[in-house]
Every structure is written in C-alpha cells, then in structure tokens.
C-alpha cells in the first residue's frame, strides 16, 4: 500500500513542480516583454528599471514596472508601466491585453502599432534595450 501511494503521489508532485516552473517562466517572459515596452513609451533618456513586480489583485496576470528616466544629470522623472496579459499559445510571445503608462490606459490603436512596429521587430527592441538599466530584482516575480 505504501509503495502504491508513493507511485501515485510522485508523479503528482512532479506535475505540480513543473506547473510552478512554467508559471515562473511565463511570468519572467511577461516581465521581459513589459520592460521592452519602456523605450517605446519613453522616447528619450536613459531608463533605470527600479522594480518589476507581479500584481496579485488584478483579474489578468499583470506586471508592474517602476522606473526612472534620466534626461540629463539634473533632469529626471519617475514612471510606472503596467502590462496585463491574457493566455497565449505555449511557445509564443506573451499576449498583451492592456498597457497603462503612469495611470493612463494606452489606446488599442497605439497598442497595435506598438506590437506591430516595435515588439515584432527584434532589432528595434534590441536598440531600445540599450537605453535600459535594470536595477530590479527578479525574485519578486517568484512568489505567486
């Protein structure tokens, strides 16, 4: 009986561990995609990513990025980017459902152009990524 119970619980625990790992990987991909949006919504200056967190109160999985834009040594401003995601097909880029910049919701038209002409172009994302300095701790994403 004990051996049979072990054979039943073992695969179940392995499955739960795999689901947890996939959830973390999905959240990490969502965080990276949300950070990739930053240079498009902040067209000038160096962008310091201060924190990346997963919001638990949202109905859709949501990533919040708090950042600071340095225009010059004396001129800077703080900002907050929130990206909500809907379920996507495994292996594809996470599907953005909504974007909010400093409390202002991005229109569907602007989001379409952002996805089509920014996020779908790896070269453009890489170029924008050179302006990012990530000072966040990804560990904040590991907690459900």
N, C-alpha and C. Protein backbone atom coordinates (compact mmCIF):
# COMPACT_ATOMS: atom_id res chain seq x y z
N UNK A 1 0.83 -1.20 0.00
CA UNK A 1 0.00 0.00 0.00
C UNK A 1 0.87 1.26 0.00
N UNK A 2 1.91 1.26 0.85
CA UNK A 2 2.78 2.43 0.95
C UNK A 2 3.48 2.68 -0.39
N UNK A 3 3.96 1.62 -1.05
CA UNK A 3 4.63 1.79 -2.32
C UNK A 3 3.67 2.30 -3.38
N UNK A 4 2.46 1.82 -3.38
CA UNK A 4 1.45 2.24 -4.34
C UNK A 4 1.13 3.72 -4.14
N UNK A 5 1.04 4.17 -2.88
CA UNK A 5 0.78 5.57 -2.57
C UNK A 5 1.93 6.43 -3.08
N UNK A 6 3.16 5.96 -2.89
CA UNK A 6 4.32 6.69 -3.38
C UNK A 6 4.32 6.81 -4.90
N UNK A 7 3.89 5.76 -5.59
CA UNK A 7 3.83 5.80 -7.04
C UNK A 7 2.75 6.77 -7.52
N UNK A 8 1.73 6.97 -6.72
CA UNK A 8 0.66 7.89 -7.09
C UNK A 8 1.04 9.33 -6.78
N UNK A 9 1.65 9.57 -5.65
CA UNK A 9 1.98 10.94 -5.23
C UNK A 9 3.19 11.47 -5.98
N UNK A 10 4.16 10.62 -6.32
CA UNK A 10 5.37 11.07 -7.00
C UNK A 10 5.09 11.84 -8.28
N UNK A 11 4.34 11.25 -9.23
CA UNK A 11 4.03 11.98 -10.46
C UNK A 11 3.22 13.26 -10.22
N UNK A 12 2.35 13.22 -9.21
CA UNK A 12 1.56 14.40 -8.88
C UNK A 12 2.46 15.54 -8.43
N UNK A 13 3.43 15.25 -7.55
CA UNK A 13 4.37 16.28 -7.09
C UNK A 13 5.23 16.79 -8.24
N UNK A 14 5.67 15.90 -9.11
CA UNK A 14 6.46 16.30 -10.27
C UNK A 14 5.64 17.23 -11.16
N UNK A 15 4.38 16.91 -11.36
CA UNK A 15 3.50 17.74 -12.18
C UNK A 15 3.30 19.12 -11.58
N UNK A 16 3.10 19.19 -10.26
CA UNK A 16 2.93 20.49 -9.60
C UNK A 16 4.19 21.32 -9.68
N UNK A 17 5.36 20.69 -9.55
CA UNK A 17 6.63 21.40 -9.67
C UNK A 17 6.79 21.94 -11.08
N UNK A 18 6.44 21.14 -12.08
CA UNK A 18 6.54 21.57 -13.47
C UNK A 18 5.62 22.74 -13.75
N UNK A 19 4.38 22.69 -13.25
CA UNK A 19 3.43 23.78 -13.44
C UNK A 19 3.97 25.05 -12.78
N UNK A 20 4.53 24.94 -11.60
CA UNK A 20 5.09 26.10 -10.92
C UNK A 20 6.25 26.69 -11.70
N UNK A 21 7.11 25.85 -12.24
CA UNK A 21 8.25 26.33 -13.03
C UNK A 21 7.77 27.01 -14.30
N UNK A 22 6.76 26.43 -14.95
CA UNK A 22 6.22 27.04 -16.17
C UNK A 22 5.60 28.39 -15.86
N UNK A 23 4.92 28.48 -14.72
CA UNK A 23 4.31 29.74 -14.32
C UNK A 23 5.38 30.81 -14.12
N UNK A 24 6.49 30.44 -13.46
CA UNK A 24 7.56 31.39 -13.24
C UNK A 24 8.19 31.81 -14.58
N UNK A 25 8.41 30.85 -15.48
CA UNK A 25 8.99 31.17 -16.78
C UNK A 25 8.07 32.08 -17.57
N UNK A 26 6.78 31.81 -17.50
CA UNK A 26 5.81 32.65 -18.20
C UNK A 26 5.84 34.06 -17.62
N UNK A 27 5.88 34.17 -16.30
CA UNK A 27 5.92 35.48 -15.65
C UNK A 27 7.21 36.21 -16.03
N UNK A 28 8.32 35.50 -16.10
CA UNK A 28 9.59 36.12 -16.50
C UNK A 28 9.51 36.64 -17.93
N UNK A 29 8.91 35.87 -18.82
CA UNK A 29 8.75 36.31 -20.21
C UNK A 29 7.85 37.54 -20.28
N UNK A 30 6.80 37.56 -19.47
CA UNK A 30 5.91 38.72 -19.42
C UNK A 30 6.65 39.94 -18.90
N UNK A 31 7.48 39.75 -17.87
CA UNK A 31 8.27 40.87 -17.31
C UNK A 31 9.23 41.42 -18.35
N UNK A 32 9.92 40.54 -19.08
CA UNK A 32 10.85 40.98 -20.12
C UNK A 32 10.12 41.74 -21.22
N UNK A 33 8.95 41.26 -21.61
CA UNK A 33 8.17 41.93 -22.65
C UNK A 33 7.70 43.31 -22.17
N UNK A 34 7.26 43.39 -20.93
CA UNK A 34 6.81 44.66 -20.38
C UNK A 34 7.97 45.66 -20.34
N UNK A 35 9.15 45.20 -19.93
CA UNK A 35 10.33 46.08 -19.92
C UNK A 35 10.70 46.51 -21.33
N UNK A 36 10.47 45.66 -22.32
CA UNK A 36 10.79 46.00 -23.71
C UNK A 36 9.90 47.12 -24.23
N UNK A 37 8.74 47.33 -23.60
CA UNK A 37 7.82 48.40 -23.99
C UNK A 37 8.36 49.77 -23.56
N UNK A 38 9.13 49.80 -22.47
CA UNK A 38 9.57 51.07 -21.88
C UNK A 38 10.21 52.05 -22.88
N UNK A 39 11.21 51.65 -23.68
CA UNK A 39 11.81 52.62 -24.59
C UNK A 39 10.82 53.19 -25.62
N UNK A 40 9.76 52.47 -25.90
CA UNK A 40 8.76 52.97 -26.85
C UNK A 40 7.88 54.05 -26.21
N UNK A 41 7.60 53.92 -24.93
CA UNK A 41 6.73 54.90 -24.27
C UNK A 41 7.52 56.04 -23.64
N UNK A 42 8.83 55.86 -23.50
CA UNK A 42 9.73 56.92 -23.01
C UNK A 42 10.80 57.11 -24.08
N UNK A 43 10.52 57.95 -25.08
CA UNK A 43 11.39 58.02 -26.26
C UNK A 43 12.77 58.64 -26.07
N UNK A 44 13.03 59.29 -24.95
CA UNK A 44 14.34 59.92 -24.76
C UNK A 44 14.88 59.62 -23.37
N UNK A 45 16.20 59.63 -23.26
CA UNK A 45 16.84 59.46 -21.96
C UNK A 45 17.18 58.02 -21.63
N UNK A 46 17.94 57.89 -20.55
CA UNK A 46 18.31 56.58 -20.03
C UNK A 46 17.22 56.13 -19.05
N UNK A 47 16.81 54.88 -19.14
CA UNK A 47 15.70 54.37 -18.32
C UNK A 47 16.26 53.40 -17.28
N UNK A 48 16.11 53.75 -16.01
CA UNK A 48 16.55 52.91 -14.90
C UNK A 48 15.34 52.14 -14.37
N UNK A 49 15.33 50.83 -14.57
CA UNK A 49 14.24 49.99 -14.06
C UNK A 49 14.51 49.76 -12.58
N UNK A 50 13.62 50.27 -11.72
CA UNK A 50 13.82 50.17 -10.28
C UNK A 50 13.20 48.91 -9.68
N UNK A 51 12.01 48.54 -10.16
CA UNK A 51 11.39 47.31 -9.65
C UNK A 51 10.46 46.73 -10.70
N UNK A 52 10.36 45.41 -10.68
CA UNK A 52 9.45 44.66 -11.54
C UNK A 52 8.70 43.71 -10.63
N UNK A 53 7.38 43.89 -10.54
CA UNK A 53 6.59 43.04 -9.65
C UNK A 53 5.35 42.53 -10.37
N UNK A 54 4.87 41.41 -9.88
CA UNK A 54 3.62 40.85 -10.37
C UNK A 54 2.52 41.30 -9.42
N UNK A 55 1.48 41.91 -9.95
CA UNK A 55 0.38 42.38 -9.12
C UNK A 55 -0.60 41.24 -8.90
N UNK A 56 -0.94 41.02 -7.66
CA UNK A 56 -1.81 39.90 -7.31
C UNK A 56 -3.29 40.26 -7.33
N UNK A 57 -3.61 41.55 -7.26
CA UNK A 57 -5.01 41.96 -7.14
C UNK A 57 -5.73 42.04 -8.48
N UNK A 58 -5.02 41.96 -9.58
CA UNK A 58 -5.62 42.10 -10.90
C UNK A 58 -6.31 40.82 -11.33
N UNK A 59 -7.34 40.97 -12.20
CA UNK A 59 -8.03 39.79 -12.72
C UNK A 59 -7.19 39.10 -13.79
N UNK A 60 -6.43 39.89 -14.57
CA UNK A 60 -5.50 39.32 -15.55
C UNK A 60 -4.09 39.35 -14.96
N UNK A 61 -3.23 38.42 -15.35
CA UNK A 61 -1.85 38.49 -14.88
C UNK A 61 -1.25 39.84 -15.29
N UNK A 62 -0.75 40.60 -14.31
CA UNK A 62 -0.26 41.95 -14.56
C UNK A 62 1.13 42.13 -13.99
N UNK A 63 2.00 42.74 -14.78
CA UNK A 63 3.36 43.08 -14.39
C UNK A 63 3.43 44.59 -14.23
N UNK A 64 4.01 45.04 -13.11
CA UNK A 64 4.21 46.47 -12.88
C UNK A 64 5.70 46.77 -12.89
N UNK A 65 6.09 47.78 -13.66
CA UNK A 65 7.48 48.21 -13.75
C UNK A 65 7.56 49.65 -13.26
N UNK A 66 8.31 49.86 -12.18
CA UNK A 66 8.57 51.21 -11.69
C UNK A 66 9.94 51.61 -12.23
N UNK A 67 10.03 52.82 -12.76
CA UNK A 67 11.27 53.23 -13.41
C UNK A 67 11.54 54.71 -13.23
N UNK A 68 12.76 55.10 -13.59
CA UNK A 68 13.20 56.49 -13.53
C UNK A 68 13.85 56.81 -14.87
N UNK A 69 13.46 57.93 -15.48
CA UNK A 69 14.05 58.35 -16.75
C UNK A 69 14.99 59.51 -16.46
N UNK A 70 16.25 59.34 -16.85
CA UNK A 70 17.24 60.41 -16.68
C UNK A 70 17.48 61.07 -18.02
N UNK A 71 17.01 62.30 -18.15
CA UNK A 71 17.21 63.07 -19.38
C UNK A 71 18.62 63.68 -19.39
N UNK A 72 18.99 64.31 -18.27
CA UNK A 72 20.32 64.86 -18.06
C UNK A 72 20.69 64.56 -16.62
N UNK A 73 21.85 65.04 -16.19
CA UNK A 73 22.28 64.80 -14.80
C UNK A 73 21.31 65.43 -13.81
N UNK A 74 20.66 66.52 -14.20
CA UNK A 74 19.76 67.24 -13.29
C UNK A 74 18.28 66.99 -13.56
N UNK A 75 17.95 66.52 -14.74
CA UNK A 75 16.53 66.34 -15.11
C UNK A 75 16.17 64.86 -15.19
N UNK A 76 15.21 64.47 -14.39
CA UNK A 76 14.71 63.10 -14.41
C UNK A 76 13.25 63.08 -13.95
N UNK A 77 12.57 62.00 -14.29
CA UNK A 77 11.20 61.81 -13.79
C UNK A 77 10.93 60.32 -13.58
N UNK A 78 10.05 60.06 -12.62
CA UNK A 78 9.67 58.68 -12.28
C UNK A 78 8.46 58.28 -13.12
N UNK A 79 8.33 56.99 -13.33
CA UNK A 79 7.19 56.49 -14.08
C UNK A 79 6.80 55.10 -13.64
N UNK A 80 5.60 54.70 -14.06
CA UNK A 80 5.09 53.36 -13.76
C UNK A 80 4.42 52.81 -15.00
N UNK A 81 4.80 51.61 -15.37
CA UNK A 81 4.23 50.91 -16.51
C UNK A 81 3.55 49.65 -16.00
N UNK A 82 2.33 49.42 -16.43
CA UNK A 82 1.62 48.19 -16.08
C UNK A 82 1.20 47.50 -17.37
N UNK A 83 1.51 46.20 -17.45
CA UNK A 83 1.15 45.39 -18.61
C UNK A 83 0.30 44.21 -18.14
N UNK A 84 -0.90 44.11 -18.69
CA UNK A 84 -1.77 42.97 -18.37
C UNK A 84 -1.70 41.98 -19.53
N UNK A 85 -1.72 40.70 -19.20
CA UNK A 85 -1.56 39.65 -20.21
C UNK A 85 -2.74 38.70 -20.19
N UNK A 86 -3.12 38.24 -21.39
CA UNK A 86 -4.13 37.18 -21.50
C UNK A 86 -3.40 35.89 -21.84
N UNK A 87 -4.10 34.78 -21.75
CA UNK A 87 -3.49 33.49 -22.05
C UNK A 87 -3.00 33.47 -23.49
N UNK A 88 -1.81 32.92 -23.69
CA UNK A 88 -1.25 32.82 -25.04
C UNK A 88 -0.92 31.37 -25.33
N UNK A 89 -0.69 31.08 -26.60
CA UNK A 89 -0.34 29.73 -27.03
C UNK A 89 1.07 29.44 -26.54
N UNK A 90 1.28 28.24 -26.00
CA UNK A 90 2.59 27.85 -25.47
C UNK A 90 3.66 28.02 -26.54
N UNK A 91 4.76 28.63 -26.15
CA UNK A 91 5.87 28.81 -27.07
C UNK A 91 5.85 30.11 -27.83
N UNK A 92 4.74 30.85 -27.76
CA UNK A 92 4.67 32.14 -28.43
C UNK A 92 4.89 33.26 -27.43
N UNK A 93 5.15 34.44 -27.95
CA UNK A 93 5.33 35.62 -27.11
C UNK A 93 4.06 35.84 -26.28
N UNK A 94 4.20 36.25 -25.01
CA UNK A 94 3.01 36.55 -24.21
C UNK A 94 2.11 37.55 -24.92
N UNK A 95 0.82 37.41 -24.73
CA UNK A 95 -0.17 38.24 -25.41
C UNK A 95 -0.59 39.41 -24.50
N UNK A 96 -0.26 40.62 -24.89
CA UNK A 96 -0.59 41.80 -24.09
C UNK A 96 -2.07 42.13 -24.26
N UNK A 97 -2.78 42.20 -23.15
CA UNK A 97 -4.20 42.55 -23.16
C UNK A 97 -4.40 44.04 -22.95
N UNK A 98 -3.52 44.67 -22.16
CA UNK A 98 -3.69 46.07 -21.83
C UNK A 98 -2.36 46.65 -21.37
N UNK A 99 -2.15 47.94 -21.62
CA UNK A 99 -0.96 48.65 -21.16
C UNK A 99 -1.41 49.97 -20.54
N UNK A 100 -0.81 50.28 -19.41
CA UNK A 100 -1.10 51.54 -18.73
C UNK A 100 0.24 52.21 -18.41
N UNK A 101 0.37 53.49 -18.79
CA UNK A 101 1.59 54.25 -18.54
C UNK A 101 1.24 55.42 -17.62
N UNK A 102 1.82 55.42 -16.43
CA UNK A 102 1.58 56.48 -15.45
C UNK A 102 0.09 56.72 -15.22
N UNK A 103 -0.65 55.63 -15.11
CA UNK A 103 -2.08 55.71 -14.82
C UNK A 103 -2.97 55.96 -16.03
N UNK A 104 -2.39 56.15 -17.20
CA UNK A 104 -3.15 56.39 -18.42
C UNK A 104 -3.16 55.14 -19.28
N UNK A 105 -4.36 54.66 -19.59
CA UNK A 105 -4.51 53.46 -20.40
C UNK A 105 -4.14 53.75 -21.86
N UNK A 106 -3.34 52.88 -22.45
CA UNK A 106 -2.95 53.03 -23.85
C UNK A 106 -4.12 52.59 -24.74
N UNK A 107 -4.38 53.34 -25.80
CA UNK A 107 -5.47 53.01 -26.71
C UNK A 107 -5.14 51.72 -27.47
N UNK A 108 -6.17 51.06 -27.97
CA UNK A 108 -5.96 49.83 -28.75
C UNK A 108 -5.15 50.10 -29.99
N UNK A 109 -5.40 51.25 -30.64
CA UNK A 109 -4.67 51.59 -31.86
C UNK A 109 -3.18 51.76 -31.56
N UNK A 110 -2.87 52.49 -30.50
CA UNK A 110 -1.46 52.69 -30.15
C UNK A 110 -0.80 51.37 -29.75
N UNK A 111 -1.56 50.52 -29.02
CA UNK A 111 -1.02 49.21 -28.64
C UNK A 111 -0.76 48.34 -29.88
N UNK A 112 -1.65 48.41 -30.86
CA UNK A 112 -1.46 47.67 -32.11
C UNK A 112 -0.16 48.09 -32.79
N UNK A 113 0.04 49.40 -32.92
CA UNK A 113 1.25 49.89 -33.57
C UNK A 113 2.49 49.55 -32.75
N UNK A 114 2.38 49.61 -31.43
CA UNK A 114 3.50 49.24 -30.56
C UNK A 114 3.89 47.77 -30.78
N UNK A 115 2.89 46.90 -30.82
CA UNK A 115 3.19 45.48 -31.02
C UNK A 115 3.71 45.20 -32.43
N UNK A 116 3.07 45.81 -33.42
CA UNK A 116 3.41 45.52 -34.81
C UNK A 116 4.76 46.11 -35.21
N UNK A 117 5.02 47.36 -34.85
CA UNK A 117 6.21 48.04 -35.34
C UNK A 117 7.32 48.19 -34.30
N UNK A 118 7.09 47.68 -33.09
CA UNK A 118 8.14 47.72 -32.08
C UNK A 118 8.44 46.31 -31.60
N UNK A 119 7.48 45.69 -30.95
CA UNK A 119 7.73 44.38 -30.33
C UNK A 119 7.94 43.26 -31.35
N UNK A 120 7.36 43.36 -32.54
CA UNK A 120 7.55 42.33 -33.56
C UNK A 120 8.86 42.49 -34.32
N UNK A 121 9.64 43.51 -33.98
CA UNK A 121 10.91 43.78 -34.66
C UNK A 121 12.07 43.61 -33.67
N UNK A 122 12.70 42.44 -33.63
CA UNK A 122 13.77 42.18 -32.66
C UNK A 122 14.90 43.21 -32.69
N UNK A 123 15.22 43.72 -33.87
CA UNK A 123 16.28 44.71 -33.99
C UNK A 123 15.89 46.01 -33.28
N UNK A 124 14.65 46.41 -33.42
CA UNK A 124 14.16 47.64 -32.78
C UNK A 124 14.12 47.46 -31.26
N UNK A 125 13.67 46.30 -30.80
CA UNK A 125 13.63 46.02 -29.36
C UNK A 125 15.05 46.03 -28.78
N UNK A 126 15.99 45.44 -29.49
CA UNK A 126 17.39 45.41 -29.02
C UNK A 126 17.96 46.82 -28.95
N UNK A 127 17.67 47.63 -29.95
CA UNK A 127 18.15 49.01 -29.96
C UNK A 127 17.57 49.80 -28.78
N UNK A 128 16.29 49.65 -28.53
CA UNK A 128 15.65 50.31 -27.39
C UNK A 128 16.19 49.78 -26.07
N UNK A 129 16.50 48.50 -26.03
CA UNK A 129 17.01 47.86 -24.82
C UNK A 129 18.35 48.42 -24.37
N UNK A 130 19.09 49.00 -25.29
CA UNK A 130 20.38 49.60 -24.92
C UNK A 130 20.21 50.81 -24.01
N UNK A 131 19.02 51.37 -23.97
CA UNK A 131 18.75 52.52 -23.09
C UNK A 131 18.29 52.09 -21.70
N UNK A 132 18.07 50.80 -21.50
CA UNK A 132 17.57 50.29 -20.22
C UNK A 132 18.72 49.90 -19.29
N UNK A 133 18.59 50.29 -18.04
CA UNK A 133 19.50 49.84 -16.99
C UNK A 133 18.60 49.17 -15.95
N UNK A 134 18.70 47.85 -15.85
CA UNK A 134 17.79 47.10 -14.96
C UNK A 134 18.40 46.96 -13.57
N UNK A 135 17.82 47.66 -12.61
CA UNK A 135 18.26 47.57 -11.21
C UNK A 135 17.25 46.80 -10.36
N UNK A 136 16.29 46.18 -11.01
CA UNK A 136 15.24 45.45 -10.28
C UNK A 136 15.74 44.09 -9.84
N UNK A 137 14.98 43.48 -8.96
CA UNK A 137 15.26 42.12 -8.51
C UNK A 137 14.16 41.22 -9.03
N UNK A 138 14.52 40.28 -9.89
CA UNK A 138 13.53 39.38 -10.48
C UNK A 138 12.91 38.43 -9.46
N UNK A 139 13.51 38.30 -8.26
CA UNK A 139 12.98 37.39 -7.27
C UNK A 139 11.55 37.75 -6.88
N UNK A 140 11.17 39.03 -7.04
CA UNK A 140 9.83 39.44 -6.68
C UNK A 140 8.77 38.77 -7.55
N UNK A 141 9.19 38.21 -8.68
CA UNK A 141 8.25 37.53 -9.56
C UNK A 141 7.99 36.09 -9.14
N UNK A 142 8.87 35.53 -8.33
CA UNK A 142 8.78 34.11 -7.98
C UNK A 142 7.62 33.80 -7.07
N UNK A 143 7.13 34.76 -6.32
CA UNK A 143 6.03 34.47 -5.40
C UNK A 143 4.71 34.56 -6.10
N UNK A 144 3.83 33.58 -5.92
CA UNK A 144 2.54 33.60 -6.61
C UNK A 144 1.61 34.65 -6.05
